[in-house]
Amino acid sequence: MLTPFVVGQTTMQYTQISTSPIIFIGSIIFSLITVLISIYKPAKIASKVSPIESVRYSGISQNTIKKIKKSLKGAKIKNMALSNVFRNKKKAFVVISSLSLSVILLNTAYTVVSGFDMDKYLSGLIGTDFTVGDTSFYRWNYGLQDYSKVLNEDTCKEIEGLKGIDEVDKIYYKSVEAPLTDKMKKNLEIKKSSLNDDKKKYINMTLTEKKSSTGCYGIDERICSLLERFITKGKIDIEKFKSGDYVILDNNYEVGNWVDVGDKVVIPFENGKSKEYEVMARVDAFPLYLRKGYFESVGNDIYLPVKEFKNITKDESVMTAMFNVDKNQVNDVKTFLNNKIKTNPTLDYRMKLTYENEFNDMVNTYKMIGYGLSFIVGVIGILNFINVIISNIISRQKEISMLRSVGMTEKQLKKMVVLEGIFYALVTIFIVLIIGTPITYKLVDLTAGVMDCFSYKFTMIPIMICSPILLLISCIIPTFAITYINKNNIVESLREAE
């Protein structure tokens, strides 16, 4: 059941889930061999113990030096219960560790799942319900070759005329050779000292030619709201931006920041003219749906209003168009675009719904694996707890019979074993809170910390849910165990314990 979810998150496209009996038979044989190897040594040790010694076994090591505890106020049931819990430290450690691990894993899984943010996930992949572009745009090599650019104004108007679409926003692209200003030259010289030889080679070439290859984009006004999400310095003023005297700048991936907010950049036009613009705002990196896929060697990407962009070039090819659609019309728009692609195979598109489904699949995978693993480890922990409680009570039959013979009531006896279970639960909760919290943070960081769509949110909801369940189990299991063992009267119990 889990395998399809796990495989679905990989890059493998052609997979088949096998149900071959050989897999399961092999697993059974492997488990059997593991168990046989595990029990060989204990069985060999047990076989050397005489029947009389076996009967006397109480589960307590006889090699330890007993400490005699004195009290002026008499024996307290809670003190007796606490002593019984840590009488066998190894068993106590195993039970507390397995119970704690299950809660820690559950808390980790819940923290990871609750930290995923669909808006953050989508913001790096798509900004509207649909984007349309040339196939090269989605292969991240738009503008590298001379080809017939299929997305133009006419196609965008045709899309805009569809029912459920208000407006289509467009991004245009043109590569230009922008001349270097004196400040740019100075900044590049400073940058050069901290870069490797390959990058220095490109900087030296740029300095020699006194110009840099620059990606120039023309954007419709509403696309500015998408750009604003990623601004790291400065602020977009729509009215100023529309004036055509300002640009928004995307840092160079290889070189980084060498043109800052307030600096001047010069962009040459195809007609031989040029114009100086002021950098209004800057980002470290725009997502791919807002830019071409490859990076210039040294130059920055610059964003202009569409009206100003059209002064640079007469090429009206659209790099990508994006638009929102009424929910009821999504399938109709999808059908239209698919039909359009049949007549024009170089056209392509992406849907927000596709990415939303991918996000949900990813979250469901983490849920299935995380919660499933927590459940399995939790069951193991509870079974360990049941095993320890019952085996302790069985091995202490003589002790329990003696306590009853000297006046301990059935109510007091049940109280003692219930308190033992409660102490297990309380220690487990303490371990989860004190030690488990930093472990959870580390596990979450390793699992999802590097994901852009994840935000860590401290939570104790799983611990708060599990704590009363642990306390309930710790009360019920000892009660049933002592009731079952305590069926006989005192005389019969003493005889059986001899």
Protein backbone atom coordinates (compact mmCIF):
# COMPACT_ATOMS: atom_id res chain seq x y z
CA MET A 1 0.00 0.00 0.00
CA LEU A 2 2.83 2.40 0.82
CA THR A 3 5.04 1.55 -2.17
CA PRO A 4 3.02 3.43 -4.85
CA PHE A 5 3.07 6.59 -2.69
CA VAL A 6 6.84 6.37 -2.22
CA VAL A 7 7.61 5.57 -5.87
CA GLY A 8 5.27 8.36 -6.97
CA GLN A 9 7.58 10.94 -5.38
CA THR A 10 10.64 9.76 -7.33
CA THR A 11 11.70 10.67 -10.86
CA MET A 12 11.03 7.10 -12.08
CA GLN A 13 8.22 7.14 -14.65
CA TYR A 14 7.92 3.49 -15.63
CA THR A 15 7.34 1.34 -12.57
CA GLN A 16 5.17 -1.61 -11.66
CA ILE A 17 4.29 -2.78 -8.17
CA SER A 18 5.03 -6.50 -7.95
CA THR A 19 2.94 -8.94 -5.91
CA SER A 20 5.15 -11.92 -6.66
CA PRO A 21 4.93 -14.63 -3.93
CA ILE A 22 8.73 -14.91 -4.04
CA ILE A 23 9.02 -11.46 -2.39
CA PHE A 24 6.80 -12.42 0.54
CA ILE A 25 8.19 -15.96 0.89
CA GLY A 26 11.69 -14.47 0.90
CA SER A 27 10.66 -11.97 3.60
CA ILE A 28 9.18 -14.77 5.73
CA ILE A 29 12.32 -16.89 5.42
CA PHE A 30 14.54 -13.90 6.25
CA SER A 31 12.43 -13.11 9.34
CA LEU A 32 12.47 -16.77 10.42
CA ILE A 33 16.26 -17.00 10.11
CA THR A 34 16.62 -13.74 12.06
CA VAL A 35 14.43 -15.04 14.89
CA LEU A 36 16.19 -18.43 15.01
CA ILE A 37 19.59 -16.73 15.25
CA SER A 38 18.26 -14.36 17.93
CA ILE A 39 16.83 -17.11 20.18
CA TYR A 40 19.73 -19.57 19.81
CA LYS A 41 21.91 -18.14 22.56
CA PRO A 42 19.09 -17.49 25.13
CA ALA A 43 17.73 -20.99 24.48
CA LYS A 44 21.17 -22.49 25.01
CA ILE A 45 21.54 -20.61 28.32
CA ALA A 46 18.05 -21.64 29.47
CA SER A 47 18.69 -25.29 28.66
CA LYS A 48 21.54 -25.36 31.21
CA VAL A 49 19.31 -24.15 34.05
CA SER A 50 17.86 -26.87 36.28
CA PRO A 51 14.06 -27.15 36.73
CA ILE A 52 14.36 -26.18 40.43
CA GLU A 53 16.25 -22.97 39.58
CA SER A 54 13.72 -22.21 36.87
CA VAL A 55 10.83 -22.44 39.36
CA ARG A 56 12.60 -20.06 41.72
CA TYR A 57 13.20 -17.49 38.99
CA SER A 58 11.69 -14.13 39.86
CA GLY A 59 13.14 -11.94 37.12
CA ILE A 60 15.45 -10.15 39.56
CA SER A 61 19.21 -10.40 39.30
CA GLN A 62 20.70 -12.13 42.33
CA ASN A 63 24.15 -10.64 41.76
CA THR A 64 23.17 -7.15 42.80
CA ILE A 65 23.58 -5.92 46.35
CA LYS A 66 20.17 -5.21 47.84
CA LYS A 67 19.64 -1.91 49.55
CA ILE A 68 17.47 -2.03 52.67
CA LYS A 69 15.16 0.96 52.77
CA LYS A 70 13.87 2.14 56.13
CA SER A 71 10.89 4.38 56.69
CA LEU A 72 9.35 5.79 59.87
CA LYS A 73 5.99 6.26 58.09
CA GLY A 74 5.62 2.71 56.86
CA ALA A 75 5.57 1.32 53.33
CA LYS A 76 4.01 3.58 50.72
CA ILE A 77 2.33 1.96 47.74
CA LYS A 78 3.58 4.63 45.33
CA ASN A 79 7.18 4.09 46.54
CA MET A 80 6.82 0.34 46.11
CA ALA A 81 5.44 0.86 42.60
CA LEU A 82 8.29 3.17 41.63
CA SER A 83 10.85 0.66 42.92
CA ASN A 84 9.18 -2.12 40.94
CA VAL A 85 9.36 -0.13 37.71
CA PHE A 86 13.14 0.22 37.88
CA ARG A 87 13.76 -3.16 39.47
CA ASN A 88 14.79 -4.45 36.05
CA LYS A 89 16.39 -1.45 34.41
CA LYS A 90 16.94 -3.12 31.04
CA LYS A 91 13.27 -3.99 30.65
CA ALA A 92 12.25 -0.52 31.78
CA PHE A 93 14.65 1.03 29.26
CA VAL A 94 13.27 -1.07 26.37
CA VAL A 95 9.64 -0.25 27.20
CA ILE A 96 10.20 3.48 27.73
CA SER A 97 12.41 3.74 24.63
CA SER A 98 9.93 2.02 22.31
CA LEU A 99 6.97 4.01 23.63
CA SER A 100 8.94 7.26 23.41
CA LEU A 101 10.15 6.51 19.89
CA SER A 102 6.61 6.00 18.59
CA VAL A 103 5.45 9.37 20.00
CA ILE A 104 8.58 11.13 18.71
CA LEU A 105 8.05 9.69 15.21
CA LEU A 106 4.37 10.66 15.29
CA ASN A 107 5.25 14.19 16.40
CA THR A 108 7.87 14.39 13.63
CA ALA A 109 5.43 13.19 10.96
CA TYR A 110 2.74 15.61 12.14
CA THR A 111 5.19 18.54 12.26
CA VAL A 112 6.40 17.80 8.72
CA VAL A 113 2.89 17.40 7.29
CA SER A 114 1.49 20.48 9.05
CA GLY A 115 4.50 22.55 7.95
CA PHE A 116 3.88 22.10 4.22
CA ASP A 117 2.50 25.27 2.65
CA MET A 118 0.74 24.93 -0.71
CA ASP A 119 1.00 28.67 -1.43
CA LYS A 120 4.79 28.57 -0.98
CA TYR A 121 4.97 25.42 -3.09
CA LEU A 122 2.95 26.96 -5.93
CA SER A 123 4.74 30.33 -5.76
CA GLY A 124 7.91 28.70 -7.06
CA LEU A 125 6.14 26.84 -9.87
CA ILE A 126 3.19 28.85 -11.15
CA GLY A 127 1.49 32.14 -10.31
CA THR A 128 -1.87 31.77 -12.07
CA ASP A 129 -4.30 29.01 -13.03
CA PHE A 130 -2.66 28.57 -16.45
CA THR A 131 0.54 29.54 -18.21
CA VAL A 132 1.01 29.17 -21.97
CA GLY A 133 4.25 29.32 -23.91
CA ASP A 134 6.46 27.93 -26.63
CA THR A 135 7.69 24.39 -25.85
CA SER A 136 11.24 25.76 -25.53
CA PHE A 137 10.11 27.92 -22.62
CA TYR A 138 9.16 24.79 -20.64
CA ARG A 139 12.46 23.15 -21.62
CA TRP A 140 14.27 26.14 -20.09
CA ASN A 141 16.03 27.19 -23.28
CA TYR A 142 13.82 29.98 -24.61
CA GLY A 143 15.76 32.36 -26.87
CA LEU A 144 18.75 30.06 -27.48
CA GLN A 145 17.85 29.35 -31.11
CA ASP A 146 16.16 31.04 -34.04
CA TYR A 147 12.79 29.39 -34.40
CA SER A 148 9.25 30.36 -35.22
CA LYS A 149 7.84 31.70 -31.98
CA VAL A 150 4.27 30.51 -31.90
CA LEU A 151 2.83 32.52 -29.02
CA ASN A 152 1.88 35.99 -30.24
CA GLU A 153 -0.67 38.72 -29.62
CA ASP A 154 -3.31 37.04 -31.80
CA THR A 155 -3.11 33.78 -29.89
CA CYS A 156 -3.34 35.63 -26.57
CA LYS A 157 -6.44 37.52 -27.77
CA GLU A 158 -7.99 34.23 -28.82
CA ILE A 159 -7.40 32.83 -25.32
CA GLU A 160 -8.70 36.04 -23.76
CA GLY A 161 -11.95 35.59 -25.63
CA LEU A 162 -12.70 32.27 -23.94
CA LYS A 163 -15.46 32.15 -21.35
CA GLY A 164 -14.26 32.48 -17.75
CA ILE A 165 -11.06 34.43 -18.60
CA ASP A 166 -10.95 38.15 -17.80
CA GLU A 167 -7.47 39.08 -18.97
CA VAL A 168 -4.28 37.45 -20.22
CA ASP A 169 -1.02 38.83 -18.81
CA LYS A 170 2.07 38.51 -20.98
CA ILE A 171 5.84 38.42 -20.58
CA TYR A 172 8.09 39.30 -23.52
CA TYR A 173 11.81 38.60 -23.81
CA LYS A 174 14.75 40.04 -25.69
CA SER A 175 18.49 39.56 -25.15
CA VAL A 176 20.53 42.78 -25.43
CA GLU A 177 24.15 43.83 -24.98
CA ALA A 178 24.01 46.48 -22.26
CA PRO A 179 27.02 48.83 -21.92
CA LEU A 180 28.81 48.91 -18.56
CA THR A 181 28.75 52.04 -16.43
CA ASP A 182 31.83 53.07 -14.42
CA LYS A 183 30.15 51.82 -11.22
CA MET A 184 29.44 48.44 -12.84
CA LYS A 185 33.08 48.08 -13.87
CA LYS A 186 34.23 48.88 -10.35
CA ASN A 187 31.78 46.40 -8.82
CA LEU A 188 32.86 43.65 -11.22
CA GLU A 189 36.52 44.19 -10.34
CA ILE A 190 35.65 43.81 -6.66
CA LYS A 191 33.54 40.70 -7.34
CA LYS A 192 36.27 39.09 -9.41
CA SER A 193 38.63 38.61 -6.46
CA SER A 194 36.20 36.27 -4.66
CA LEU A 195 35.26 34.04 -7.63
CA ASN A 196 36.84 30.96 -9.22
CA ASP A 197 38.86 31.00 -12.46
CA ASP A 198 35.95 30.10 -14.77
CA LYS A 199 33.82 32.96 -13.51
CA LYS A 200 36.79 35.32 -13.58
CA LYS A 201 37.19 34.47 -17.28
CA TYR A 202 33.64 35.66 -18.04
CA ILE A 203 34.13 38.82 -15.98
CA ASN A 204 37.40 39.65 -17.76
CA MET A 205 35.65 39.12 -21.10
CA THR A 206 32.81 41.41 -20.03
CA LEU A 207 35.23 44.08 -18.82
CA THR A 208 37.20 43.87 -22.06
CA GLU A 209 34.10 44.21 -24.24
CA LYS A 210 32.66 46.86 -21.88
CA LYS A 211 29.20 45.38 -22.18
CA SER A 212 27.23 42.48 -20.72
CA SER A 213 24.64 40.15 -22.19
CA THR A 214 21.39 41.11 -20.47
CA GLY A 215 18.00 39.44 -20.51
CA CYS A 216 15.38 42.11 -21.00
CA TYR A 217 11.74 41.36 -20.16
CA GLY A 218 8.58 43.29 -20.87
CA ILE A 219 5.77 42.59 -18.41
CA ASP A 220 2.11 43.54 -18.12
CA GLU A 221 1.14 45.56 -15.05
CA ARG A 222 -0.59 42.75 -13.15
CA ILE A 223 2.55 40.59 -13.29
CA CYS A 224 4.17 43.10 -10.93
CA SER A 225 2.10 41.61 -8.11
CA LEU A 226 3.77 38.24 -8.79
CA LEU A 227 7.22 39.84 -8.82
CA GLU A 228 6.55 41.57 -5.48
CA ARG A 229 6.58 38.22 -3.64
CA PHE A 230 10.26 37.79 -4.38
CA ILE A 231 11.64 41.32 -3.89
CA THR A 232 14.63 41.28 -1.53
CA LYS A 233 15.60 44.96 -1.74
CA GLY A 234 13.66 48.06 -2.69
CA LYS A 235 9.94 48.26 -3.39
CA ILE A 236 7.79 48.23 -6.52
CA ASP A 237 5.95 51.49 -7.07
CA ILE A 238 3.46 50.72 -9.84
CA GLU A 239 2.95 54.32 -10.95
CA LYS A 240 6.69 55.02 -11.11
CA PHE A 241 7.28 51.72 -12.87
CA LYS A 242 4.62 52.53 -15.50
CA SER A 243 6.43 55.79 -16.27
CA GLY A 244 9.07 53.78 -18.14
CA ASP A 245 12.07 55.24 -16.30
CA TYR A 246 12.59 52.38 -13.84
CA VAL A 247 13.45 48.69 -14.01
CA ILE A 248 13.30 45.69 -11.69
CA LEU A 249 16.48 43.64 -11.58
CA ASP A 250 17.15 39.93 -11.05
CA ASN A 251 20.63 39.14 -9.69
CA ASN A 252 23.01 37.09 -11.80
CA TYR A 253 23.11 33.45 -10.64
CA GLU A 254 26.86 33.05 -11.16
CA VAL A 255 28.18 36.45 -10.11
CA GLY A 256 25.49 37.59 -7.69
CA ASN A 257 24.78 41.23 -6.85
CA TRP A 258 26.89 43.75 -8.72
CA VAL A 259 24.08 46.18 -9.67
CA ASP A 260 22.11 47.60 -6.75
CA VAL A 261 18.88 49.51 -6.12
CA GLY A 262 19.34 53.15 -7.19
CA ASP A 263 22.04 52.30 -9.77
CA LYS A 264 21.66 53.28 -13.41
CA VAL A 265 21.55 50.79 -16.30
CA VAL A 266 21.61 51.57 -20.03
CA ILE A 267 19.61 49.46 -22.48
CA PRO A 268 20.27 49.75 -26.25
CA PHE A 269 17.35 49.74 -28.72
CA GLU A 270 17.25 47.96 -32.07
CA ASN A 271 17.01 51.33 -33.88
CA GLY A 272 20.40 52.37 -32.55
CA LYS A 273 19.11 54.53 -29.70
CA SER A 274 19.50 53.74 -25.99
CA LYS A 275 18.02 54.84 -22.68
CA GLU A 276 19.17 55.01 -19.07
CA TYR A 277 16.95 53.47 -16.36
CA GLU A 278 17.10 53.46 -12.57
CA VAL A 279 16.92 50.19 -10.65
CA MET A 280 13.75 50.37 -8.53
CA ALA A 281 13.89 46.93 -6.82
CA ARG A 282 15.98 43.78 -6.82
CA VAL A 283 15.51 40.07 -6.23
CA ASP A 284 17.99 37.24 -5.70
CA ALA A 285 16.22 34.88 -8.13
CA PHE A 286 12.84 34.78 -9.81
CA PRO A 287 11.13 31.38 -10.32
CA LEU A 288 11.30 29.83 -13.77
CA TYR A 289 7.76 30.72 -14.79
CA LEU A 290 8.78 34.41 -14.68
CA ARG A 291 11.99 34.11 -16.70
CA LYS A 292 13.78 32.03 -19.32
CA GLY A 293 15.45 28.93 -17.97
CA TYR A 294 19.15 29.59 -18.54
CA PHE A 295 21.32 32.30 -16.98
CA GLU A 296 23.48 34.91 -18.67
CA SER A 297 27.19 34.45 -17.97
CA VAL A 298 27.56 37.76 -16.10
CA GLY A 299 24.63 40.03 -16.94
CA ASN A 300 21.47 40.60 -14.93
CA ASP A 301 17.87 40.09 -16.03
CA ILE A 302 15.92 43.35 -16.26
CA TYR A 303 12.14 43.83 -16.19
CA LEU A 304 10.40 46.73 -17.93
CA PRO A 305 6.76 47.70 -18.55
CA VAL A 306 5.44 46.28 -21.86
CA LYS A 307 5.03 49.76 -23.36
CA GLU A 308 8.69 50.58 -22.70
CA PHE A 309 9.84 47.14 -23.85
CA LYS A 310 8.28 47.70 -27.27
CA ASN A 311 10.67 50.64 -27.77
CA ILE A 312 13.55 48.16 -27.63
CA THR A 313 12.33 45.71 -30.28
CA LYS A 314 9.57 45.29 -32.84
CA ASP A 315 9.42 41.53 -32.18
CA GLU A 316 6.00 40.92 -30.63
CA SER A 317 6.54 37.23 -29.83
CA VAL A 318 5.33 36.42 -26.33
CA MET A 319 7.58 34.30 -24.13
CA THR A 320 4.73 33.23 -21.85
CA ALA A 321 1.17 34.27 -21.10
CA MET A 322 -0.61 33.62 -17.82
CA PHE A 323 -4.21 33.90 -16.76
CA ASN A 324 -6.78 32.83 -14.18
CA VAL A 325 -9.95 30.91 -15.03
CA ASP A 326 -13.32 30.46 -13.35
CA LYS A 327 -13.37 27.04 -11.69
CA ASN A 328 -16.31 25.90 -13.81
CA GLN A 329 -14.44 26.69 -17.02
CA VAL A 330 -11.08 25.02 -16.27
CA ASN A 331 -11.85 21.86 -18.25
CA ASP A 332 -13.12 23.87 -21.23
CA VAL A 333 -9.92 25.94 -21.32
CA LYS A 334 -7.83 22.78 -21.01
CA THR A 335 -9.71 21.23 -23.95
CA PHE A 336 -9.21 24.37 -26.03
CA LEU A 337 -5.45 24.41 -25.39
CA ASN A 338 -5.11 20.69 -26.15
CA ASN A 339 -6.90 21.21 -29.47
CA LYS A 340 -4.66 24.21 -30.17
CA ILE A 341 -1.57 22.07 -29.57
CA LYS A 342 -2.81 19.50 -32.11
CA THR A 343 -2.65 22.15 -34.85
CA ASN A 344 0.48 23.79 -33.40
CA PRO A 345 2.72 21.20 -31.64
CA THR A 346 5.27 23.80 -30.54
CA LEU A 347 2.73 25.33 -28.15
CA ASP A 348 2.56 24.09 -24.57
CA TYR A 349 0.93 24.99 -21.26
CA ARG A 350 0.94 24.28 -17.50
CA MET A 351 -1.96 24.17 -15.00
CA LYS A 352 -2.00 25.14 -11.33
CA LEU A 353 -4.30 22.18 -10.68
CA THR A 354 -1.55 19.79 -11.80
CA TYR A 355 0.88 21.24 -9.26
CA GLU A 356 -1.81 21.21 -6.55
CA ASN A 357 -2.32 17.49 -7.17
CA GLU A 358 1.45 16.93 -7.02
CA PHE A 359 1.57 18.79 -3.70
CA ASN A 360 -1.30 16.75 -2.27
CA ASP A 361 0.37 13.52 -3.41
CA MET A 362 3.59 14.56 -1.69
CA VAL A 363 1.78 15.41 1.56
CA ASN A 364 -0.16 12.13 1.44
CA THR A 365 3.10 10.23 1.00
CA TYR A 366 4.54 11.81 4.12
CA LYS A 367 1.30 11.08 5.97
CA MET A 368 1.21 7.43 4.94
CA ILE A 369 4.86 6.75 5.68
CA GLY A 370 5.15 8.90 8.81
CA TYR A 371 1.89 7.90 10.47
CA GLY A 372 2.26 4.27 9.32
CA LEU A 373 5.75 4.01 10.79
CA SER A 374 4.59 5.69 14.00
CA PHE A 375 1.69 3.24 14.29
CA ILE A 376 3.94 0.20 13.79
CA VAL A 377 6.51 1.40 16.33
CA GLY A 378 3.65 2.36 18.69
CA VAL A 379 2.18 -1.15 18.51
CA ILE A 380 5.63 -2.61 19.22
CA GLY A 381 5.98 -0.28 22.21
CA ILE A 382 2.56 -1.23 23.60
CA LEU A 383 3.32 -4.94 23.11
CA ASN A 384 6.62 -4.46 24.96
CA PHE A 385 4.72 -2.70 27.73
CA ILE A 386 2.14 -5.52 27.97
CA ASN A 387 4.89 -8.12 27.93
CA VAL A 388 6.87 -6.45 30.70
CA ILE A 389 3.83 -5.81 32.93
CA ILE A 390 2.47 -9.36 32.62
CA SER A 391 5.86 -11.10 32.86
CA ASN A 392 6.72 -8.99 35.92
CA ILE A 393 3.46 -9.91 37.65
CA ILE A 394 3.87 -13.63 36.79
CA SER A 395 7.47 -13.69 38.00
CA ARG A 396 6.40 -11.90 41.22
CA GLN A 397 3.55 -14.26 42.13
CA LYS A 398 5.29 -15.39 45.31
CA GLU A 399 5.99 -11.79 46.31
CA ILE A 400 2.40 -10.77 45.58
CA SER A 401 1.05 -13.75 47.54
CA MET A 402 3.21 -12.80 50.53
CA LEU A 403 2.01 -9.19 50.37
CA ARG A 404 -1.58 -10.43 50.39
CA SER A 405 -0.84 -12.75 53.29
CA VAL A 406 0.45 -9.88 55.44
CA GLY A 407 -2.63 -7.76 54.84
CA MET A 408 -2.39 -6.01 51.42
CA THR A 409 -5.90 -5.73 50.08
CA GLU A 410 -6.89 -6.43 46.51
CA LYS A 411 -7.60 -2.73 46.05
CA GLN A 412 -4.10 -1.80 47.28
CA LEU A 413 -2.55 -4.47 45.06
CA LYS A 414 -4.35 -3.15 41.98
CA LYS A 415 -3.37 0.38 42.94
CA MET A 416 0.30 -0.64 43.13
CA VAL A 417 0.42 -2.29 39.68
CA VAL A 418 -1.61 0.53 38.13
CA LEU A 419 0.84 3.04 39.58
CA GLU A 420 3.67 1.02 38.03
CA GLY A 421 2.02 1.43 34.63
CA ILE A 422 1.40 5.13 35.23
CA PHE A 423 5.06 5.64 36.15
CA TYR A 424 6.04 4.04 32.81
CA ALA A 425 3.72 6.46 31.00
CA LEU A 426 4.90 9.52 32.96
CA VAL A 427 8.57 8.73 32.36
CA THR A 428 7.79 8.22 28.66
CA ILE A 429 6.02 11.59 28.45
CA PHE A 430 8.92 13.25 30.28
CA ILE A 431 11.44 11.71 27.85
CA VAL A 432 9.36 12.82 24.86
CA LEU A 433 9.13 16.40 26.15
CA ILE A 434 12.73 16.87 27.30
CA ILE A 435 14.73 14.69 24.91
CA GLY A 436 12.18 14.10 22.16
CA THR A 437 11.56 17.77 21.33
CA PRO A 438 15.12 18.53 20.09
CA ILE A 439 15.21 15.12 18.37
CA THR A 440 11.94 15.96 16.60
CA TYR A 441 13.34 19.31 15.44
CA LYS A 442 16.46 17.61 14.06
CA LEU A 443 14.46 14.89 12.29
CA VAL A 444 12.11 17.48 10.79
CA ASP A 445 15.06 19.57 9.63
CA LEU A 446 16.70 16.56 7.97
CA THR A 447 13.44 15.40 6.40
CA ALA A 448 11.84 18.60 5.16
CA GLY A 449 14.03 21.51 6.26
CA VAL A 450 15.59 22.00 2.82
CA MET A 451 12.21 22.23 1.05
CA ASP A 452 11.15 25.71 -0.06
CA CYS A 453 7.50 24.86 0.58
CA PHE A 454 8.10 23.92 4.23
CA SER A 455 7.95 26.18 7.28
CA TYR A 456 8.78 24.75 10.70
CA LYS A 457 5.99 25.19 13.24
CA PHE A 458 6.53 23.96 16.78
CA THR A 459 3.64 21.77 17.88
CA MET A 460 2.77 19.49 20.78
CA ILE A 461 -0.61 18.30 19.52
CA PRO A 462 0.49 14.66 18.97
CA ILE A 463 2.08 14.58 22.45
CA MET A 464 -1.09 16.01 24.00
CA ILE A 465 -3.19 13.39 22.19
CA CYS A 466 -0.88 10.47 23.00
CA SER A 467 -0.34 11.33 26.68
CA PRO A 468 -3.90 10.50 27.92
CA ILE A 469 -3.91 7.38 25.69
CA LEU A 470 -0.64 6.20 27.27
CA LEU A 471 -2.01 6.89 30.76
CA LEU A 472 -5.22 5.01 29.93
CA ILE A 473 -3.30 1.98 28.61
CA SER A 474 -1.02 2.07 31.64
CA CYS A 475 -4.10 1.80 33.88
CA ILE A 476 -6.06 -0.83 31.95
CA ILE A 477 -3.34 -3.40 31.17
CA PRO A 478 -1.99 -3.79 34.76
CA THR A 479 -5.57 -4.03 36.08
CA PHE A 480 -6.44 -6.88 33.72
CA ALA A 481 -3.12 -8.62 34.41
CA ILE A 482 -3.40 -8.53 38.21
CA THR A 483 -7.08 -9.57 38.03
CA TYR A 484 -6.15 -12.62 35.95
CA ILE A 485 -3.21 -13.60 38.19
CA ASN A 486 -5.13 -12.90 41.39
CA LYS A 487 -7.96 -15.38 40.75
CA ASN A 488 -6.83 -17.88 43.41
CA ASN A 489 -7.09 -17.42 47.16
CA ILE A 490 -4.00 -16.61 49.25
CA VAL A 491 -3.28 -20.24 50.30
CA GLU A 492 -3.47 -21.56 46.71
CA SER A 493 -1.32 -18.69 45.44
CA LEU A 494 1.35 -19.40 48.06
CA ARG A 495 1.36 -23.09 47.15
CA GLU A 496 1.70 -22.35 43.42
CA ALA A 497 4.52 -19.92 44.12
CA GLU A 498 6.55 -22.47 46.10
